[in-house]
Amino acid sequence: MDAIAHVVRCFDDPNVIHVDGSVDPKRDIEVVEAELIFKDLDTVERKLGEAQKKAKAGRSDSKTKPVSWNESGITCWEAALSGTSRFKEKRRKLWLRDLHLLTNKPVMYVCNVHEKDLLTENEYVRQVRLRRKRKGHAW
């Protein structure tokens, strides 16, 4: 998967029940983002476990072995996440890409609107747009 298309409900309709009882695009986006983070944590824990098993068996390679990148004992994972100047940006991006983390994928928000709002921007869509801009992402 190269990107995530996140469909966000941006309409009111009493005949279409929302799982949380009300329409709130900001909350809905945050819930999905939290789920993606939890999945990534599971992925990282699994990869770390695999790397530790390989290291114990003497079969680790430079992609999986947690090694120290400087005198302070920062592992490659910590260096990649903190963006330390000693860790080359290109190598950091490749290393993170190889983990296939969901939160490292580009996200496109798709606003699901009522038919009457197809040609205009309702308040819910404005909320999604504002949130996206605050996160520093372009549309």
C-alpha atoms as a PDB file:
ATOM      1  CA  MET A   1       0.000   0.000   0.000  1.00  0.00           C
ATOM      2  CA  ASP A   2       1.387   3.363  -1.015  1.00  0.00           C
ATOM      3  CA  ALA A   3      -1.115   5.690   0.677  1.00  0.00           C
ATOM      4  CA  ILE A   4      -4.155   5.787   2.926  1.00  0.00           C
ATOM      5  CA  ALA A   5      -7.534   7.136   1.802  1.00  0.00           C
ATOM      6  CA  HIS A   6      -9.398   8.079   4.963  1.00  0.00           C
ATOM      7  CA  VAL A   7     -13.126   8.564   4.324  1.00  0.00           C
ATOM      8  CA  VAL A   8     -14.529  11.022   6.882  1.00  0.00           C
ATOM      9  CA  ARG A   9     -18.234  11.493   7.481  1.00  0.00           C
ATOM     10  CA  CYS A  10     -19.098  15.149   6.867  1.00  0.00           C
ATOM     11  CA  PHE A  11     -22.899  15.202   6.841  1.00  0.00           C
ATOM     12  CA  ASP A  12     -25.836  15.111   9.239  1.00  0.00           C
ATOM     13  CA  ASP A  13     -28.673  12.696   8.634  1.00  0.00           C
ATOM     14  CA  PRO A  14     -30.897  11.374  11.438  1.00  0.00           C
ATOM     15  CA  ASN A  15     -31.575   8.268   9.338  1.00  0.00           C
ATOM     16  CA  VAL A  16     -27.876   7.326   9.234  1.00  0.00           C
ATOM     17  CA  ILE A  17     -26.636   6.545  12.729  1.00  0.00           C
ATOM     18  CA  HIS A  18     -23.049   7.364  13.624  1.00  0.00           C
ATOM     19  CA  VAL A  19     -21.262   4.785  15.771  1.00  0.00           C
ATOM     20  CA  ASP A  20     -20.388   7.493  18.351  1.00  0.00           C
ATOM     21  CA  GLY A  21     -23.823   9.117  18.260  1.00  0.00           C
ATOM     22  CA  SER A  22     -22.763  12.380  16.616  1.00  0.00           C
ATOM     23  CA  VAL A  23     -20.849  13.673  13.617  1.00  0.00           C
ATOM     24  CA  ASP A  24     -17.417  14.990  14.586  1.00  0.00           C
ATOM     25  CA  PRO A  25     -14.773  14.728  11.831  1.00  0.00           C
ATOM     26  CA  LYS A  26     -11.924  15.802  14.146  1.00  0.00           C
ATOM     27  CA  ARG A  27     -12.738  13.041  16.647  1.00  0.00           C
ATOM     28  CA  ASP A  28     -13.197  10.465  13.892  1.00  0.00           C
ATOM     29  CA  ILE A  29      -9.825  11.335  12.351  1.00  0.00           C
ATOM     30  CA  GLU A  30      -8.112  11.120  15.748  1.00  0.00           C
ATOM     31  CA  VAL A  31      -9.653   7.694  16.426  1.00  0.00           C
ATOM     32  CA  VAL A  32      -8.367   6.288  13.135  1.00  0.00           C
ATOM     33  CA  GLU A  33      -4.925   7.900  13.655  1.00  0.00           C
ATOM     34  CA  ALA A  34      -4.714   6.291  17.108  1.00  0.00           C
ATOM     35  CA  GLU A  35      -5.566   2.891  15.627  1.00  0.00           C
ATOM     36  CA  LEU A  36      -2.828   3.300  13.005  1.00  0.00           C
ATOM     37  CA  ILE A  37      -0.337   4.224  15.737  1.00  0.00           C
ATOM     38  CA  PHE A  38      -1.282   1.140  17.767  1.00  0.00           C
ATOM     39  CA  LYS A  39      -0.827  -1.058  14.694  1.00  0.00           C
ATOM     40  CA  ASP A  40       2.596   0.500  14.054  1.00  0.00           C
ATOM     41  CA  LEU A  41       3.602  -0.162  17.662  1.00  0.00           C
ATOM     42  CA  ASP A  42       2.693  -3.818  17.162  1.00  0.00           C
ATOM     43  CA  THR A  43       4.759  -3.878  13.961  1.00  0.00           C
ATOM     44  CA  VAL A  44       7.797  -2.343  15.646  1.00  0.00           C
ATOM     45  CA  GLU A  45       7.570  -4.723  18.617  1.00  0.00           C
ATOM     46  CA  ARG A  46       7.359  -7.704  16.256  1.00  0.00           C
ATOM     47  CA  LYS A  47      10.313  -6.496  14.153  1.00  0.00           C
ATOM     48  CA  LEU A  48      12.364  -5.854  17.286  1.00  0.00           C
ATOM     49  CA  GLY A  49      11.594  -9.360  18.542  1.00  0.00           C
ATOM     50  CA  GLU A  50      12.677 -10.820  15.209  1.00  0.00           C
ATOM     51  CA  ALA A  51      15.899  -8.779  15.285  1.00  0.00           C
ATOM     52  CA  GLN A  52      16.671  -9.911  18.832  1.00  0.00           C
ATOM     53  CA  LYS A  53      16.157 -13.560  17.884  1.00  0.00           C
ATOM     54  CA  LYS A  54      18.464 -13.170  14.879  1.00  0.00           C
ATOM     55  CA  ALA A  55      21.075 -11.403  16.984  1.00  0.00           C
ATOM     56  CA  LYS A  56      21.037 -14.210  19.569  1.00  0.00           C
ATOM     57  CA  ALA A  57      21.426 -16.772  16.794  1.00  0.00           C
ATOM     58  CA  GLY A  58      24.294 -14.779  15.275  1.00  0.00           C
ATOM     59  CA  ARG A  59      22.376 -14.217  12.042  1.00  0.00           C
ATOM     60  CA  SER A  60      21.554 -10.549  12.267  1.00  0.00           C
ATOM     61  CA  ASP A  61      22.288  -8.187   9.430  1.00  0.00           C
ATOM     62  CA  SER A  62      22.625  -4.407   9.294  1.00  0.00           C
ATOM     63  CA  LYS A  63      18.921  -3.959   8.548  1.00  0.00           C
ATOM     64  CA  THR A  64      17.663  -5.724  11.652  1.00  0.00           C
ATOM     65  CA  LYS A  65      20.411  -5.563  14.236  1.00  0.00           C
ATOM     66  CA  PRO A  66      19.890  -2.746  16.731  1.00  0.00           C
ATOM     67  CA  VAL A  67      23.331  -1.163  16.767  1.00  0.00           C
ATOM     68  CA  SER A  68      24.689   1.907  18.490  1.00  0.00           C
ATOM     69  CA  TRP A  69      25.072   4.864  16.163  1.00  0.00           C
ATOM     70  CA  ASN A  70      27.135   7.014  18.498  1.00  0.00           C
ATOM     71  CA  GLU A  71      28.987   7.110  21.777  1.00  0.00           C
ATOM     72  CA  SER A  72      25.839   7.828  23.794  1.00  0.00           C
ATOM     73  CA  GLY A  73      24.390   4.418  22.945  1.00  0.00           C
ATOM     74  CA  ILE A  74      21.468   5.554  20.794  1.00  0.00           C
ATOM     75  CA  THR A  75      20.161   2.624  18.793  1.00  0.00           C
ATOM     76  CA  CYS A  76      19.342   2.909  15.111  1.00  0.00           C
ATOM     77  CA  TRP A  77      15.629   2.922  15.971  1.00  0.00           C
ATOM     78  CA  GLU A  78      16.035   5.831  18.383  1.00  0.00           C
ATOM     79  CA  ALA A  79      18.247   7.660  15.917  1.00  0.00           C
ATOM     80  CA  ALA A  80      15.769   7.158  13.097  1.00  0.00           C
ATOM     81  CA  LEU A  81      12.856   8.423  15.147  1.00  0.00           C
ATOM     82  CA  SER A  82      14.660  11.362  16.698  1.00  0.00           C
ATOM     83  CA  GLY A  83      16.232  12.455  13.415  1.00  0.00           C
ATOM     84  CA  THR A  84      19.650  12.959  14.996  1.00  0.00           C
ATOM     85  CA  SER A  85      22.153  14.749  12.810  1.00  0.00           C
ATOM     86  CA  ARG A  86      24.529  11.752  12.924  1.00  0.00           C
ATOM     87  CA  PHE A  87      21.990   9.562  11.178  1.00  0.00           C
ATOM     88  CA  LYS A  88      21.932  10.345   7.473  1.00  0.00           C
ATOM     89  CA  GLU A  89      18.494  11.456   6.263  1.00  0.00           C
ATOM     90  CA  LYS A  90      18.482   9.132   3.258  1.00  0.00           C
ATOM     91  CA  ARG A  91      19.390   6.089   5.333  1.00  0.00           C
ATOM     92  CA  ARG A  92      16.771   7.026   7.949  1.00  0.00           C
ATOM     93  CA  LYS A  93      14.060   7.259   5.292  1.00  0.00           C
ATOM     94  CA  LEU A  94      15.047   3.908   3.792  1.00  0.00           C
ATOM     95  CA  TRP A  95      15.144   2.289   7.219  1.00  0.00           C
ATOM     96  CA  LEU A  96      11.693   3.615   8.120  1.00  0.00           C
ATOM     97  CA  ARG A  97      10.337   2.673   4.695  1.00  0.00           C
ATOM     98  CA  ASP A  98      11.468  -0.917   5.206  1.00  0.00           C
ATOM     99  CA  LEU A  99       9.297  -1.102   8.337  1.00  0.00           C
ATOM    100  CA  HIS A 100       6.190  -0.338   6.232  1.00  0.00           C
ATOM    101  CA  LEU A 101       4.650   1.719   9.031  1.00  0.00           C
ATOM    102  CA  LEU A 102       1.116   2.895   8.362  1.00  0.00           C
ATOM    103  CA  THR A 103       1.786   6.282   9.957  1.00  0.00           C
ATOM    104  CA  ASN A 104       4.631   6.834   7.497  1.00  0.00           C
ATOM    105  CA  LYS A 105       2.217   6.702   4.537  1.00  0.00           C
ATOM    106  CA  PRO A 106       0.665   9.768   2.919  1.00  0.00           C
ATOM    107  CA  VAL A 107      -2.972  10.272   3.906  1.00  0.00           C
ATOM    108  CA  MET A 108      -5.745  11.629   1.720  1.00  0.00           C
ATOM    109  CA  TYR A 109      -8.926  12.655   3.513  1.00  0.00           C
ATOM    110  CA  VAL A 110     -12.068  11.970   1.499  1.00  0.00           C
ATOM    111  CA  CYS A 111     -15.013  13.956   2.827  1.00  0.00           C
ATOM    112  CA  ASN A 112     -18.268  12.021   2.573  1.00  0.00           C
ATOM    113  CA  VAL A 113     -20.868  14.787   2.179  1.00  0.00           C
ATOM    114  CA  HIS A 114     -24.607  15.015   1.616  1.00  0.00           C
ATOM    115  CA  GLU A 115     -25.703  15.459  -2.005  1.00  0.00           C
ATOM    116  CA  LYS A 116     -26.814  19.043  -1.303  1.00  0.00           C
ATOM    117  CA  ASP A 117     -23.232  19.921  -0.271  1.00  0.00           C
ATOM    118  CA  LEU A 118     -21.477  18.525  -3.342  1.00  0.00           C
ATOM    119  CA  LEU A 119     -20.842  21.967  -4.841  1.00  0.00           C
ATOM    120  CA  THR A 120     -20.225  23.825  -1.583  1.00  0.00           C
ATOM    121  CA  GLU A 121     -18.070  23.337   1.478  1.00  0.00           C
ATOM    122  CA  ASN A 122     -20.007  22.666   4.676  1.00  0.00           C
ATOM    123  CA  GLU A 123     -18.718  23.227   8.222  1.00  0.00           C
ATOM    124  CA  TYR A 124     -17.560  19.614   8.613  1.00  0.00           C
ATOM    125  CA  VAL A 125     -15.460  19.812   5.448  1.00  0.00           C
ATOM    126  CA  ARG A 126     -13.969  23.106   6.712  1.00  0.00           C
ATOM    127  CA  GLN A 127     -13.008  21.316   9.942  1.00  0.00           C
ATOM    128  CA  VAL A 128     -11.208  18.592   7.988  1.00  0.00           C
ATOM    129  CA  ARG A 129      -9.455  21.153   5.791  1.00  0.00           C
ATOM    130  CA  LEU A 130      -8.386  23.223   8.836  1.00  0.00           C
ATOM    131  CA  ARG A 131      -7.065  20.132  10.627  1.00  0.00           C
ATOM    132  CA  ARG A 132      -5.093  19.128   7.561  1.00  0.00           C
ATOM    133  CA  LYS A 133      -3.509  22.585   7.281  1.00  0.00           C
ATOM    134  CA  ARG A 134      -2.614  22.625  11.006  1.00  0.00           C
ATOM    135  CA  LYS A 135      -0.791  19.332  10.529  1.00  0.00           C
ATOM    136  CA  GLY A 136       1.320  21.034   7.875  1.00  0.00           C
ATOM    137  CA  HIS A 137       0.114  18.967   4.948  1.00  0.00           C
ATOM    138  CA  ALA A 138      -1.021  20.193   1.562  1.00  0.00           C
ATOM    139  CA  TRP A 139      -4.172  18.848  -0.043  1.00  0.00           C
END
